[in-house]
Amino acid sequence: MKVKFISLNLFEGGLLFDNVFEFLEKENPDIVAFQEVMDGKDPSFDRNIRTVETLTTFYKDWHFHFAPEFLMVLANGKKVEIGNAIFSRFPITATTTSDFGIPY
């Protein structure tokens, strides 16, 4: 069995989402690991600040895990978690997050 794995840095949460989604549709991976994922929950935030929501909409039937690394405070005072996420066609049965610095 072959598995296609892709790792991508989303550049500030996904400023280039249209290009990213075009690339991912073409490559058709089984597992994707993303860096610079933002989990802004406010619906008024731009799409790149709502990365988790945007990705779970794109990969609606996939399994995922988001691991926040740090908390960013925006100019308006609102807070957004930023970290890494894995999306998989296969079930994710367990997760562990390890910090190699100051733990979030």
Protein backbone atom coordinates (compact mmCIF):
# COMPACT_ATOMS: atom_id res chain seq x y z
CA MET A 1 0.00 0.00 0.00
CA LYS A 2 1.33 3.43 -0.94
CA VAL A 3 0.54 6.51 1.13
CA LYS A 4 1.07 10.05 -0.15
CA PHE A 5 2.16 12.47 2.61
CA ILE A 6 2.53 16.23 2.10
CA SER A 7 3.81 18.82 4.55
CA LEU A 8 3.00 22.50 3.94
CA ASN A 9 3.63 25.78 5.71
CA LEU A 10 0.47 27.83 5.16
CA PHE A 11 2.18 31.24 5.46
CA GLU A 12 0.34 33.21 8.12
CA GLY A 13 -2.58 30.85 8.37
CA GLY A 14 -3.27 30.53 4.68
CA LEU A 15 -2.77 33.78 2.83
CA LEU A 16 -2.36 31.68 -0.32
CA PHE A 17 -5.27 29.28 0.29
CA ASP A 18 -6.49 29.29 -3.31
CA ASN A 19 -3.08 28.11 -4.55
CA VAL A 20 -2.78 25.63 -1.69
CA PHE A 21 -6.16 24.03 -2.43
CA GLU A 22 -5.41 23.86 -6.15
CA PHE A 23 -2.10 22.12 -5.38
CA LEU A 24 -3.69 19.67 -2.92
CA GLU A 25 -6.50 18.75 -5.32
CA LYS A 26 -3.90 18.03 -8.00
CA GLU A 27 -1.65 15.99 -5.68
CA ASN A 28 -4.47 14.11 -3.94
CA PRO A 29 -2.55 13.23 -0.74
CA ASP A 30 -3.64 10.76 1.92
CA ILE A 31 -2.14 12.73 4.82
CA VAL A 32 -1.29 16.43 5.02
CA ALA A 33 0.66 18.12 7.82
CA PHE A 34 0.23 21.89 8.02
CA GLN A 35 2.29 24.48 9.87
CA GLU A 36 1.19 28.05 10.76
CA VAL A 37 -2.41 26.95 11.32
CA MET A 38 -4.59 29.54 13.08
CA ASP A 39 -7.72 28.68 15.06
CA GLY A 40 -9.54 32.00 15.18
CA LYS A 41 -13.13 31.31 16.13
CA ASP A 42 -14.60 34.76 15.40
CA PRO A 43 -16.62 34.59 12.14
CA SER A 44 -15.55 38.18 11.33
CA PHE A 45 -11.90 37.08 11.02
CA ASP A 46 -10.40 36.69 7.56
CA ARG A 47 -10.24 33.14 6.21
CA ASN A 48 -6.51 32.83 6.95
CA ILE A 49 -7.14 33.55 10.66
CA ARG A 50 -9.83 30.82 10.65
CA THR A 51 -7.50 28.17 9.19
CA VAL A 52 -8.93 25.22 11.17
CA GLU A 53 -12.48 26.06 10.04
CA THR A 54 -11.34 26.56 6.43
CA LEU A 55 -9.41 23.27 6.34
CA THR A 56 -12.16 21.23 7.99
CA THR A 57 -14.57 22.58 5.36
CA PHE A 58 -12.18 21.59 2.55
CA TYR A 59 -11.44 18.19 4.15
CA LYS A 60 -14.94 17.64 5.54
CA ASP A 61 -14.77 13.83 5.69
CA TRP A 62 -11.17 13.60 6.91
CA HIS A 63 -9.81 13.03 10.40
CA PHE A 64 -7.71 15.83 11.90
CA HIS A 65 -5.80 16.93 14.93
CA PHE A 66 -4.79 20.51 15.76
CA ALA A 67 -1.94 21.12 18.20
CA PRO A 68 -1.64 24.77 19.28
CA GLU A 69 1.88 26.04 19.82
CA PHE A 70 1.28 29.59 21.03
CA LEU A 71 -1.34 32.28 21.51
CA MET A 72 -1.24 35.41 19.36
CA VAL A 73 -2.97 38.60 20.51
CA LEU A 74 -4.24 40.61 17.56
CA ALA A 75 -4.22 44.42 17.36
CA ASN A 76 -7.91 44.45 18.35
CA GLY A 77 -7.10 42.45 21.51
CA LYS A 78 -8.69 39.22 20.30
CA LYS A 79 -6.69 36.03 20.79
CA VAL A 80 -5.91 33.32 18.25
CA GLU A 81 -4.18 29.97 18.81
CA ILE A 82 -1.50 29.11 16.25
CA GLY A 83 0.05 25.70 15.75
CA ASN A 84 0.19 22.60 13.57
CA ALA A 85 -2.51 20.36 12.16
CA ILE A 86 -2.63 16.95 10.54
CA PHE A 87 -5.43 15.89 8.20
CA SER A 88 -5.73 12.24 7.27
CA ARG A 89 -7.96 10.00 5.18
CA PHE A 90 -7.16 7.34 7.81
CA PRO A 91 -8.48 7.43 11.38
CA ILE A 92 -6.26 9.15 13.92
CA THR A 93 -6.51 6.84 16.91
CA ALA A 94 -4.21 8.65 19.36
CA THR A 95 -2.28 11.91 19.57
CA THR A 96 0.56 13.28 21.65
CA THR A 97 1.98 16.78 21.52
CA SER A 98 5.56 17.46 22.64
CA ASP A 99 6.97 20.95 23.09
CA PHE A 100 10.69 21.45 22.46
CA GLY A 101 10.98 24.78 24.20
CA ILE A 102 8.67 26.73 26.42
CA PRO A 103 5.41 24.77 26.66
CA TYR A 104 2.30 26.56 25.50
